[in-house]
Amino acid sequence: MTYAIQELVVRHVSPLDTAEITGLVADAMWDGPVARWLHPDPMARRSNAPRYFEIFVEHAVQYGEVYGTTDETGRMDGVALWFPLTSMIPPPADYDRRVKEAAEDATDRVHQLDAALDADHPLEPHHYLAFLAVRPSRQNRGVGSALLGRHHARLDRAGIPAYLEANDPRNRDLYLRHGYRVRSVIELPDGPPLWAMWREPMV
C-alpha cells in the first residue's frame, strides 16, 4: 500500500531494500556533527559509515518499521527508521563485535554515544525515530516532512507518543514544527549537543 503525502509517495520498505537503505542513510549522515565527533578523519568516516549504519538498518528491518520515498526515477531519496518501543525489542545481534569492526578506533566514542543516549531515553511506551535520512541532493523538498507526517498520522490515531534525538539545529527546528518539544540536551564529551525531543499524540 502507498500513501500520497505532499505530492510524495511514502511506502513500506521491503527487507530486500536493505543495501539501498544503508547507502542512503550513510550518504545523508556520514558528515553530520555526531559523525564528525565519532570519526574526525573524513576518509575513515566516509569509508566506515556504511558498515556502521548497516547495523541499525538491518535491526529496523527486522524489528522496526521502515518507510521510504522515491524520486521520479524510482530511486529512494528518503527513509525513516522507527522502533515501536511499546514492547520489548532485543538489541542488534552481535552488536559489540559489529561496532568494533565498523568503527575501528572510534569504538570507545560509539560506546560513549550509546551510554549518553540510553541515559536520557524515556521509559514510557513510545515509538522511537532512530534515523530520518534524506539524500543530500533531495533535501529541502519536503521529503523529511512527508516521512514524519506518514508515521505521525498513525501515532495520533493510536494515541502513542514519539521520541527522537536531533543532531543539529536545523533538524531540531524541523521537529519542533512537527509537534515535538525539547525534553533535555544531551552533552557528549567534547562533542556536539543532541536535543532529546518528545511528541505527544495530537487529536
Protein backbone atom coordinates (compact mmCIF):
# COMPACT_ATOMS: atom_id res chain seq x y z
CA MET A 1 0.00 0.00 0.00
CA THR A 2 1.23 3.53 -0.76
CA TYR A 3 0.28 6.86 0.74
CA ALA A 4 0.36 10.14 -1.18
CA ILE A 5 1.58 12.91 1.12
CA GLN A 6 2.66 16.39 -0.01
CA GLU A 7 2.96 15.09 -3.59
CA LEU A 8 5.42 12.46 -2.40
CA VAL A 9 4.73 8.77 -2.01
CA VAL A 10 5.66 7.15 1.28
CA ARG A 11 5.76 3.37 1.25
CA HIS A 12 6.66 0.49 3.48
CA VAL A 13 10.15 -0.74 2.63
CA SER A 14 10.84 -4.39 1.91
CA PRO A 15 13.75 -6.23 3.55
CA LEU A 16 15.12 -6.61 0.02
CA ASP A 17 15.93 -2.89 0.07
CA THR A 18 18.39 -3.16 2.98
CA ALA A 19 21.50 -2.32 0.94
CA GLU A 20 19.83 0.68 -0.68
CA ILE A 21 18.59 1.95 2.69
CA THR A 22 22.05 1.59 4.20
CA GLY A 23 23.63 3.50 1.35
CA LEU A 24 21.10 6.31 1.65
CA VAL A 25 21.50 6.65 5.43
CA ALA A 26 25.29 6.64 5.13
CA ASP A 27 25.17 9.21 2.33
CA ALA A 28 22.97 11.51 4.38
CA MET A 29 24.69 11.16 7.74
CA TRP A 30 28.37 10.36 7.28
CA ASP A 31 29.40 14.03 7.65
CA GLY A 32 26.96 15.17 10.35
CA PRO A 33 28.03 16.69 13.68
CA VAL A 34 27.90 13.42 15.62
CA ALA A 35 29.66 11.50 12.83
CA ARG A 36 32.46 14.09 12.80
CA TRP A 37 32.78 13.75 16.56
CA LEU A 38 32.94 9.98 16.30
CA HIS A 39 35.50 9.99 13.46
CA PRO A 40 37.43 13.26 12.91
CA ASP A 41 39.24 11.77 9.89
CA PRO A 42 36.90 12.34 6.90
CA MET A 43 38.29 9.47 4.84
CA ALA A 44 37.86 6.96 7.66
CA ARG A 45 34.45 8.40 8.47
CA ARG A 46 33.22 8.06 4.89
CA SER A 47 34.55 4.53 4.39
CA ASN A 48 33.24 3.20 7.72
CA ALA A 49 29.80 4.80 7.59
CA PRO A 50 28.02 2.06 5.57
CA ARG A 51 29.13 -0.74 7.91
CA TYR A 52 28.11 1.27 10.97
CA PHE A 53 24.66 2.26 9.72
CA GLU A 54 24.02 -1.22 8.32
CA ILE A 55 23.77 -2.49 11.92
CA PHE A 56 20.77 -0.26 12.61
CA VAL A 57 19.14 -0.63 9.21
CA GLU A 58 19.11 -4.41 9.48
CA HIS A 59 17.77 -4.16 13.02
CA ALA A 60 14.98 -1.79 11.94
CA VAL A 61 14.01 -4.01 9.02
CA GLN A 62 13.71 -6.96 11.42
CA TYR A 63 12.12 -5.32 14.46
CA GLY A 64 11.03 -1.83 13.48
CA GLU A 65 9.05 -0.01 10.83
CA VAL A 66 10.77 1.47 7.79
CA TYR A 67 9.26 3.94 5.33
CA GLY A 68 10.82 5.36 2.22
CA THR A 69 10.16 7.87 -0.54
CA THR A 70 11.38 7.67 -4.12
CA ASP A 71 12.14 10.29 -6.74
CA GLU A 72 10.72 10.40 -10.25
CA THR A 73 13.22 7.76 -11.41
CA GLY A 74 12.24 5.31 -8.68
CA ARG A 75 15.44 5.87 -6.70
CA MET A 76 14.96 6.02 -2.94
CA ASP A 77 15.55 9.59 -1.73
CA GLY A 78 14.38 9.47 1.88
CA VAL A 79 13.92 6.91 4.63
CA ALA A 80 12.66 6.84 8.22
CA LEU A 81 13.59 4.08 10.67
CA TRP A 82 11.17 3.73 13.58
CA PHE A 83 11.20 1.33 16.52
CA PRO A 84 7.85 0.69 18.27
CA LEU A 85 9.03 0.71 21.89
CA THR A 86 5.64 -0.29 23.20
CA SER A 87 7.01 -3.78 23.84
CA MET A 88 10.43 -5.32 24.33
CA ILE A 89 12.80 -5.29 21.34
CA PRO A 90 16.16 -7.11 21.58
CA PRO A 91 19.39 -5.22 20.88
CA PRO A 92 21.07 -5.65 17.47
CA ALA A 93 22.60 -9.08 17.10
CA ASP A 94 26.34 -9.32 17.79
CA TYR A 95 26.37 -5.57 18.39
CA ASP A 96 29.73 -5.14 20.14
CA ARG A 97 31.67 -7.09 17.52
CA ARG A 98 30.00 -5.33 14.60
CA VAL A 99 30.54 -1.89 16.12
CA LYS A 100 34.21 -2.66 16.70
CA GLU A 101 34.63 -3.77 13.09
CA ALA A 102 32.73 -0.77 11.73
CA ALA A 103 34.03 1.98 14.00
CA GLU A 104 37.61 0.75 14.46
CA ASP A 105 39.46 3.36 16.55
CA ALA A 106 36.19 5.24 17.20
CA THR A 107 34.71 2.28 19.10
CA ASP A 108 35.13 3.92 22.52
CA ARG A 109 33.30 7.00 21.29
CA VAL A 110 30.46 4.88 19.92
CA HIS A 111 30.05 3.38 23.37
CA GLN A 112 30.10 6.87 24.91
CA LEU A 113 27.39 7.92 22.47
CA ASP A 114 25.30 4.84 23.26
CA ALA A 115 25.60 5.45 27.01
CA ALA A 116 24.61 9.11 26.66
CA LEU A 117 21.57 8.28 24.54
CA ASP A 118 20.48 5.45 26.83
CA ALA A 119 20.72 7.67 29.91
CA ASP A 120 18.13 10.11 28.51
CA HIS A 121 15.88 7.64 26.70
CA PRO A 122 12.34 7.68 28.15
CA LEU A 123 10.96 4.56 29.78
CA GLU A 124 7.28 5.06 28.96
CA PRO A 125 5.88 3.34 25.84
CA HIS A 126 6.52 5.26 22.61
CA HIS A 127 7.77 4.99 19.05
CA TYR A 128 11.42 5.92 18.58
CA LEU A 129 12.66 7.59 15.41
CA ALA A 130 16.20 6.25 15.17
CA PHE A 131 17.05 7.83 11.81
CA LEU A 132 15.40 10.20 9.37
CA ALA A 133 17.67 10.40 6.32
CA VAL A 134 17.20 12.34 3.10
CA ARG A 135 19.64 12.14 0.22
CA PRO A 136 21.65 15.41 0.22
CA SER A 137 20.61 16.31 -3.33
CA ARG A 138 16.92 15.97 -2.36
CA GLN A 139 16.92 17.92 0.89
CA ASN A 140 14.68 20.96 1.43
CA ARG A 141 11.94 19.48 -0.80
CA GLY A 142 9.55 18.23 1.87
CA VAL A 143 10.82 14.63 1.90
CA GLY A 144 11.53 14.59 5.64
CA SER A 145 8.19 16.21 6.44
CA ALA A 146 6.36 13.66 4.31
CA LEU A 147 8.04 10.79 6.12
CA LEU A 148 7.26 12.30 9.52
CA GLY A 149 3.67 13.01 8.59
CA ARG A 150 3.07 9.42 7.45
CA HIS A 151 4.01 7.91 10.80
CA HIS A 152 2.69 10.71 12.98
CA ALA A 153 -0.78 10.23 11.50
CA ARG A 154 -0.71 6.62 12.64
CA LEU A 155 0.62 7.51 16.10
CA ASP A 156 -2.05 10.17 16.53
CA ARG A 157 -4.81 7.70 15.69
CA ALA A 158 -3.39 5.21 18.21
CA GLY A 159 -2.62 7.79 20.91
CA ILE A 160 1.08 6.90 21.00
CA PRO A 161 3.86 9.45 21.68
CA ALA A 162 7.13 9.68 19.73
CA TYR A 163 10.74 10.31 20.73
CA LEU A 164 13.95 11.17 18.88
CA GLU A 165 17.32 12.86 19.23
CA ALA A 166 18.03 15.79 16.91
CA ASN A 167 21.69 16.17 15.99
CA ASP A 168 21.79 19.72 14.66
CA PRO A 169 19.76 22.93 14.99
CA ARG A 170 18.16 22.62 11.55
CA ASN A 171 16.83 19.14 12.30
CA ARG A 172 15.71 20.29 15.75
CA ASP A 173 13.70 23.11 14.20
CA LEU A 174 12.09 20.72 11.71
CA TYR A 175 10.91 18.51 14.56
CA LEU A 176 9.65 21.49 16.53
CA ARG A 177 7.42 22.33 13.56
CA HIS A 178 6.03 18.79 13.70
CA GLY A 179 4.90 18.99 17.31
CA TYR A 180 7.99 17.88 19.23
CA ARG A 181 9.33 19.66 22.27
CA VAL A 182 12.84 19.54 23.72
CA ARG A 183 12.98 17.39 26.86
CA SER A 184 16.69 17.76 27.51
CA VAL A 185 20.02 18.47 25.86
CA ILE A 186 22.45 15.55 25.70
CA GLU A 187 26.08 16.63 26.04
CA LEU A 188 28.78 14.44 24.52
CA PRO A 189 32.35 14.69 25.91
CA ASP A 190 33.96 17.49 23.86
CA GLY A 191 31.25 16.91 21.28
CA PRO A 192 28.14 18.48 19.78
CA PRO A 193 24.83 18.73 21.66
CA LEU A 194 21.90 16.48 20.85
CA TRP A 195 18.36 17.52 21.59
CA ALA A 196 16.17 14.82 23.14
CA MET A 197 12.68 15.52 21.81
CA TRP A 198 9.21 14.20 22.65
CA ARG A 199 5.94 14.46 20.77
CA GLU A 200 2.56 13.85 22.36
CA PRO A 201 -0.10 12.43 20.04
CA MET A 202 -2.38 15.05 18.53
CA VAL A 203 -6.13 14.63 18.36
